[in-house]
């Protein structure tokens, strides 16, 4: 199980990834959609007001939450999951690193809407709430803005004020 290797970090993470893969295979075998199979609900949220954390994306639907600056570009080199970590952001949406090189709200990467839903659920950040609202009401404008955004001022929607939304 997942906790079998809890005293050996590399084994713990291997077990974690194996469990994720097994769950993914079960989903593929089942004809039900994910939304029919899983009804998510927050039972307990131990994250306090104005939290400081980082969020690492492994794959769509699989994220690791850590302490502020725990998953910066320098520290991931020694982490047991380094080969699986695709992107990381802090609690306000500032991108700490990105291996995906994608600029899409519908594809896994620093602009993927799923991460902003998590940020909103974890800490009710204004940036996350704004991105979700804009995604729901003006997705086409958001995508056009991303296509022309050169990321020189940073990645992620924390820098979204630099996107040009002119029609």
Protein backbone atom coordinates (compact mmCIF):
# COMPACT_ATOMS: atom_id res chain seq x y z
CA UNK A 1 0.00 0.00 0.00
CA UNK A 2 0.86 3.65 -0.09
CA UNK A 3 2.06 3.76 3.51
CA UNK A 4 4.13 0.56 3.26
CA UNK A 5 7.34 2.44 2.53
CA UNK A 6 6.65 5.46 4.74
CA UNK A 7 10.08 5.24 6.39
CA UNK A 8 11.91 5.21 3.04
CA UNK A 9 10.99 8.31 1.02
CA UNK A 10 11.86 6.91 -2.41
CA UNK A 11 9.78 3.76 -1.72
CA UNK A 12 6.90 5.86 -0.39
CA UNK A 13 6.80 7.89 -3.61
CA UNK A 14 7.09 4.78 -5.78
CA UNK A 15 4.09 3.33 -3.92
CA UNK A 16 2.22 6.62 -4.38
CA UNK A 17 2.79 6.62 -8.15
CA UNK A 18 1.88 2.92 -8.40
CA UNK A 19 -1.40 3.64 -6.60
CA UNK A 20 -2.15 6.53 -8.98
CA UNK A 21 -1.44 4.28 -11.97
CA UNK A 22 -3.67 1.50 -10.57
CA UNK A 23 -6.53 3.94 -10.01
CA UNK A 24 -6.11 5.27 -13.56
CA UNK A 25 -6.32 1.74 -14.97
CA UNK A 26 -9.49 1.08 -12.98
CA UNK A 27 -11.03 4.27 -14.40
CA UNK A 28 -10.17 3.19 -17.95
CA UNK A 29 -11.90 -0.15 -17.40
CA UNK A 30 -15.04 1.46 -16.05
CA UNK A 31 -17.41 2.97 -18.58
CA UNK A 32 -18.66 5.64 -16.18
CA UNK A 33 -17.30 9.14 -16.50
CA UNK A 34 -15.12 10.47 -13.71
CA UNK A 35 -17.76 12.93 -12.60
CA UNK A 36 -20.22 10.06 -12.15
CA UNK A 37 -17.71 7.94 -10.22
CA UNK A 38 -16.33 10.55 -7.82
CA UNK A 39 -18.25 13.23 -6.05
CA UNK A 40 -15.68 15.39 -4.35
CA UNK A 41 -16.38 17.18 -1.11
CA UNK A 42 -14.07 18.91 1.32
CA UNK A 43 -14.52 17.20 4.68
CA UNK A 44 -11.67 18.96 6.46
CA UNK A 45 -9.47 21.78 5.28
CA UNK A 46 -6.47 22.23 7.57
CA UNK A 47 -5.05 25.08 5.53
CA UNK A 48 -5.23 28.27 7.51
CA UNK A 49 -6.00 31.80 6.39
CA UNK A 50 -3.25 33.28 4.18
CA UNK A 51 -1.34 30.00 3.84
CA UNK A 52 2.04 29.74 2.21
CA UNK A 53 2.60 26.56 0.21
CA UNK A 54 3.69 25.19 -3.12
CA UNK A 55 1.77 22.86 -5.39
CA UNK A 56 3.51 20.41 -7.74
CA UNK A 57 1.74 18.90 -10.72
CA UNK A 58 2.68 15.30 -11.47
CA UNK A 59 -0.03 14.67 -14.07
CA UNK A 60 -3.61 15.84 -14.52
CA UNK A 61 -5.45 15.12 -11.27
CA UNK A 62 -2.29 14.31 -9.31
CA UNK A 63 -0.70 17.08 -7.25
CA UNK A 64 1.55 17.28 -4.20
CA UNK A 65 1.23 20.11 -1.73
CA UNK A 66 4.30 21.22 0.19
CA UNK A 67 5.70 24.02 2.29
CA UNK A 68 6.37 27.40 0.74
CA UNK A 69 9.40 27.19 -1.56
CA UNK A 70 9.76 23.44 -0.94
CA UNK A 71 9.52 22.67 -4.63
CA UNK A 72 11.70 25.34 -6.20
CA UNK A 73 13.84 24.60 -9.26
CA UNK A 74 16.95 24.05 -7.11
CA UNK A 75 15.49 21.67 -4.51
CA UNK A 76 13.66 19.35 -6.88
CA UNK A 77 16.94 17.87 -8.11
CA UNK A 78 17.23 15.88 -4.88
CA UNK A 79 13.55 14.95 -4.56
CA UNK A 80 12.61 11.27 -5.15
CA UNK A 81 9.82 12.34 -7.53
CA UNK A 82 11.98 14.75 -9.56
CA UNK A 83 11.52 12.80 -12.80
CA UNK A 84 7.73 12.92 -12.40
CA UNK A 85 7.34 16.58 -11.39
CA UNK A 86 6.06 18.58 -14.34
CA UNK A 87 5.34 22.04 -12.93
CA UNK A 88 5.06 23.85 -9.61
CA UNK A 89 3.46 27.04 -8.39
CA UNK A 90 3.12 28.80 -5.09
CA UNK A 91 -0.10 29.65 -3.27
CA UNK A 92 -0.79 32.74 -5.36
CA UNK A 93 -0.08 31.13 -8.71
CA UNK A 94 3.53 32.17 -9.33
CA UNK A 95 5.17 29.44 -11.39
CA UNK A 96 8.28 28.03 -9.69
CA UNK A 97 9.22 25.73 -12.57
CA UNK A 98 7.66 24.24 -15.68
CA UNK A 99 8.76 21.25 -17.75
CA UNK A 100 5.56 21.11 -19.83
CA UNK A 101 6.11 24.15 -22.06
CA UNK A 102 2.35 24.38 -22.64
CA UNK A 103 0.27 27.54 -22.78
CA UNK A 104 -3.27 26.21 -22.64
CA UNK A 105 -6.06 26.34 -20.10
CA UNK A 106 -7.16 22.85 -21.17
CA UNK A 107 -3.76 21.10 -21.17
CA UNK A 108 -1.68 20.13 -18.17
CA UNK A 109 0.83 22.87 -17.39
CA UNK A 110 1.12 26.24 -15.62
CA UNK A 111 -2.09 27.63 -17.14
CA UNK A 112 -4.21 24.47 -16.70
CA UNK A 113 -7.53 25.41 -15.09
CA UNK A 114 -7.38 22.42 -12.73
CA UNK A 115 -4.53 23.97 -10.71
CA UNK A 116 -6.45 27.19 -10.24
CA UNK A 117 -9.47 25.23 -9.01
CA UNK A 118 -7.16 23.61 -6.44
CA UNK A 119 -5.69 26.98 -5.43
CA UNK A 120 -9.19 28.33 -4.97
CA UNK A 121 -10.29 25.31 -2.92
CA UNK A 122 -7.16 25.40 -0.74
CA UNK A 123 -6.85 29.08 0.03
CA UNK A 124 -9.48 31.15 -1.80
CA UNK A 125 -6.85 33.22 -3.60
CA UNK A 126 -8.23 36.13 -5.60
CA UNK A 127 -6.08 35.26 -8.62
CA UNK A 128 -7.53 31.74 -8.69
CA UNK A 129 -11.07 33.03 -8.37
CA UNK A 130 -10.52 35.55 -11.18
CA UNK A 131 -9.03 32.91 -13.48
CA UNK A 132 -11.94 30.54 -12.86
CA UNK A 133 -14.47 33.30 -13.51
CA UNK A 134 -12.68 34.38 -16.68
CA UNK A 135 -12.38 30.75 -17.81
CA UNK A 136 -16.13 30.24 -17.41
CA UNK A 137 -17.22 33.53 -18.99
CA UNK A 138 -14.48 34.47 -21.47
CA UNK A 139 -12.49 31.33 -22.24
CA UNK A 140 -11.93 32.28 -25.90
CA UNK A 141 -10.40 35.65 -24.93
CA UNK A 142 -8.25 33.94 -22.31
CA UNK A 143 -6.91 31.46 -24.88
CA UNK A 144 -6.22 34.22 -27.44
CA UNK A 145 -4.34 36.19 -24.79
CA UNK A 146 -2.20 33.17 -23.92
CA UNK A 147 -1.34 32.55 -27.57
CA UNK A 148 0.30 35.96 -27.87
CA UNK A 149 1.78 36.15 -24.34
CA UNK A 150 5.59 35.72 -24.48
CA UNK A 151 6.09 34.92 -20.76
CA UNK A 152 8.99 37.40 -20.44
CA UNK A 153 7.37 38.79 -17.30
CA UNK A 154 6.73 35.36 -15.81
CA UNK A 155 4.54 32.28 -16.20
CA UNK A 156 1.16 31.52 -14.75
CA UNK A 157 -1.91 33.65 -14.34
CA UNK A 158 -0.33 35.62 -11.51
CA UNK A 159 1.08 37.52 -14.51
CA UNK A 160 -2.26 37.62 -16.28
CA UNK A 161 -2.51 41.39 -16.02
CA UNK A 162 0.08 41.41 -18.79
CA UNK A 163 -2.18 39.46 -21.13
CA UNK A 164 -3.92 41.57 -23.72
CA UNK A 165 -7.62 40.77 -23.79
CA UNK A 166 -8.55 43.27 -26.46
CA UNK A 167 -10.92 41.75 -29.00
